[in-house]
Each structure stands twice: as structure tokens, then as C-alpha cells.
Amino acid sequence: MKNDIVNRKDIYLIVNEFYKKLLTDENMKHFFEKFNQTNELEKHLQILVDFWDNILFYSGTYQRNAMLPHIELNKEKPFKELHFNIWLNYFHQIIDENYIGNNANIAKNRATSIATIMKLKTLNY
């Protein structure tokens, strides 16, 4: 039986599984080349745990600008609509495979909102 997302351990499972998919996806892995070293990936995963911990549980653990690194990355490796679709699909899939409940729904809704904002800031329509 699936439970809701209730703590940092749950969030870590999500971001870790999410990055496993991204790092092996032919359309996505070029964005994440700097994380091929295990220690760099682990540092990034902990930042993501802080980010989602703050979103879901208002922990105050994330104090950065989440958009800025993505805007900078987009200058080097432009995002396309396809990339956002893959990103959201994997994120929702990982949550749906492992969790159910209010926090799971909040995470998926916020991911969709974040992707929409990021698309508006990076894609040239």
C-alpha cells in the first residue's frame, strides 16, 4: 500500500529515482553531464531534497534562487518543449509509482507550475 510523502527520506527517494531516469535518457542526459561524478550528484540531490522539503513542509531549508541555474544552463544548452514534457513525465511517474496523498499531489502540481514558469522564461515562442 502506498503512503503519502511525509519526510526528507521520501523526498530523497523521489529525486534519486528521478535523476536515475534523467541521467540515462538520451534526450535529457546532456543537461546533467556535471553530475556524472557521484559526489557532485549527491550534493545536487541534497539541494533538491532541501528544495522539495521547503515546498512540501515549509522547512526553510532552501534559500537559493531555483530559476537562475536553469536560465544559465539554457544559455549553453537550450531547452525545448520536449525536455519539459520528459521532465514532468518522469517526475509524476516516480511519485505515482511510490506515493499517494495530498503531499504527492502538491508535489506534482508544483512541478507542473515550475515547469510552466521555466518554459515561459526560457523558450522562445
Protein backbone atom coordinates (compact mmCIF):
# COMPACT_ATOMS: atom_id res chain seq x y z
CA MET A 1 0.00 0.00 0.00
CA LYS A 2 1.33 3.44 -0.94
CA ASN A 3 1.62 6.23 1.60
CA ASP A 4 1.96 9.97 1.21
CA ILE A 5 5.26 11.83 1.12
CA VAL A 6 5.97 12.54 4.79
CA ASN A 7 9.68 13.35 5.22
CA ARG A 8 13.09 14.01 3.68
CA LYS A 9 13.68 10.28 3.21
CA ASP A 10 10.65 10.12 0.92
CA ILE A 11 11.80 13.19 -0.98
CA TYR A 12 15.28 11.68 -1.40
CA LEU A 13 13.76 8.54 -2.90
CA ILE A 14 11.86 10.68 -5.42
CA VAL A 15 14.79 12.85 -6.52
CA ASN A 16 17.21 9.92 -6.61
CA GLU A 17 14.93 7.81 -8.80
CA PHE A 18 14.11 10.87 -10.90
CA TYR A 19 17.79 11.51 -11.64
CA LYS A 20 18.41 7.87 -12.47
CA LYS A 21 15.90 8.30 -15.27
CA LEU A 22 17.19 11.69 -16.41
CA LEU A 23 20.82 10.55 -16.49
CA THR A 24 20.02 7.64 -18.78
CA ASP A 25 17.53 9.37 -21.07
CA GLU A 26 19.09 10.17 -24.46
CA ASN A 27 17.15 13.42 -24.73
CA MET A 28 17.98 14.60 -21.22
CA LYS A 29 21.36 13.35 -20.07
CA HIS A 30 23.37 16.09 -21.81
CA PHE A 31 21.92 18.61 -19.33
CA PHE A 32 23.36 16.66 -16.40
CA GLU A 33 26.92 15.89 -17.51
CA LYS A 34 28.43 17.65 -14.50
CA PHE A 35 26.65 15.19 -12.22
CA ASN A 36 28.40 12.14 -13.66
CA GLN A 37 30.70 12.22 -10.65
CA THR A 38 28.93 10.58 -7.73
CA ASN A 39 29.85 13.25 -5.18
CA GLU A 40 28.52 16.04 -7.45
CA LEU A 41 25.28 14.19 -7.98
CA GLU A 42 24.85 13.56 -4.27
CA LYS A 43 25.42 17.25 -3.48
CA HIS A 44 22.79 18.18 -6.05
CA LEU A 45 20.32 15.61 -4.75
CA GLN A 46 20.64 17.09 -1.25
CA ILE A 47 19.91 20.55 -2.67
CA LEU A 48 16.82 19.13 -4.35
CA VAL A 49 15.73 17.49 -1.10
CA ASP A 50 16.06 20.88 0.60
CA PHE A 51 14.02 22.48 -2.20
CA TRP A 52 11.14 19.98 -2.03
CA ASP A 53 11.29 19.83 1.77
CA ASN A 54 10.72 23.58 1.77
CA ILE A 55 7.87 23.34 -0.75
CA LEU A 56 6.06 20.48 0.95
CA PHE A 57 6.80 21.14 4.62
CA TYR A 58 7.76 24.85 4.73
CA SER A 59 11.04 23.88 6.40
CA GLY A 60 13.09 26.90 5.33
CA THR A 61 15.86 24.52 4.19
CA TYR A 62 16.14 26.01 0.69
CA GLN A 63 17.48 29.55 0.44
CA ARG A 64 18.59 29.73 -3.20
CA ASN A 65 17.20 31.02 -6.47
CA ALA A 66 15.94 27.86 -8.20
CA MET A 67 15.38 29.56 -11.56
CA LEU A 68 18.81 31.13 -12.03
CA PRO A 69 20.87 27.95 -12.63
CA HIS A 70 18.29 26.74 -15.13
CA ILE A 71 18.27 30.03 -17.02
CA GLU A 72 22.08 29.88 -17.18
CA LEU A 73 22.03 26.26 -18.35
CA ASN A 74 19.50 27.16 -21.02
CA LYS A 75 22.00 29.64 -22.48
CA GLU A 76 24.51 26.81 -23.02
CA LYS A 77 22.10 24.01 -23.81
CA PRO A 78 18.72 25.36 -24.92
CA PHE A 79 15.61 23.73 -23.54
CA LYS A 80 12.86 22.58 -25.86
CA GLU A 81 9.23 21.71 -25.20
CA LEU A 82 10.21 18.02 -25.39
CA HIS A 83 12.58 18.41 -22.43
CA PHE A 84 9.89 19.86 -20.20
CA ASN A 85 7.48 17.08 -21.17
CA ILE A 86 10.02 14.38 -20.37
CA TRP A 87 10.96 16.08 -17.09
CA LEU A 88 7.36 16.29 -15.93
CA ASN A 89 6.51 12.79 -17.10
CA TYR A 90 9.38 11.25 -15.12
CA PHE A 91 8.66 13.33 -12.02
CA HIS A 92 4.97 12.43 -12.00
CA GLN A 93 5.76 8.80 -12.78
CA ILE A 94 8.16 8.44 -9.84
CA ILE A 95 5.65 9.96 -7.45
CA ASP A 96 2.73 7.89 -8.78
CA GLU A 97 4.76 4.66 -8.54
CA ASN A 98 5.68 5.28 -4.90
CA TYR A 99 3.24 7.66 -3.20
CA ILE A 100 -0.38 8.71 -2.96
CA GLY A 101 -1.95 11.52 -0.99
CA ASN A 102 -2.11 15.26 -0.51
CA ASN A 103 1.65 15.90 -0.49
CA ALA A 104 2.11 13.71 -3.55
CA ASN A 105 -0.50 15.79 -5.35
CA ILE A 106 1.06 19.05 -4.16
CA ALA A 107 4.47 17.94 -5.43
CA LYS A 108 3.09 17.07 -8.87
CA ASN A 109 1.11 20.31 -9.09
CA ARG A 110 4.09 22.41 -8.03
CA ALA A 111 6.35 20.61 -10.51
CA THR A 112 3.86 21.45 -13.26
CA SER A 113 3.79 25.10 -12.15
CA ILE A 114 7.59 25.27 -12.01
CA ALA A 115 7.91 23.75 -15.48
CA THR A 116 5.36 26.24 -16.85
CA ILE A 117 7.21 29.22 -15.37
CA MET A 118 10.56 27.87 -16.56
CA LYS A 119 9.17 27.38 -20.07
CA LEU A 120 7.97 30.97 -20.14
CA LYS A 121 11.39 32.21 -19.03
CA THR A 122 13.48 30.04 -21.38
CA LEU A 123 11.59 29.10 -24.52
CA ASN A 124 11.35 31.48 -27.42
CA TYR A 125 7.76 31.34 -28.55
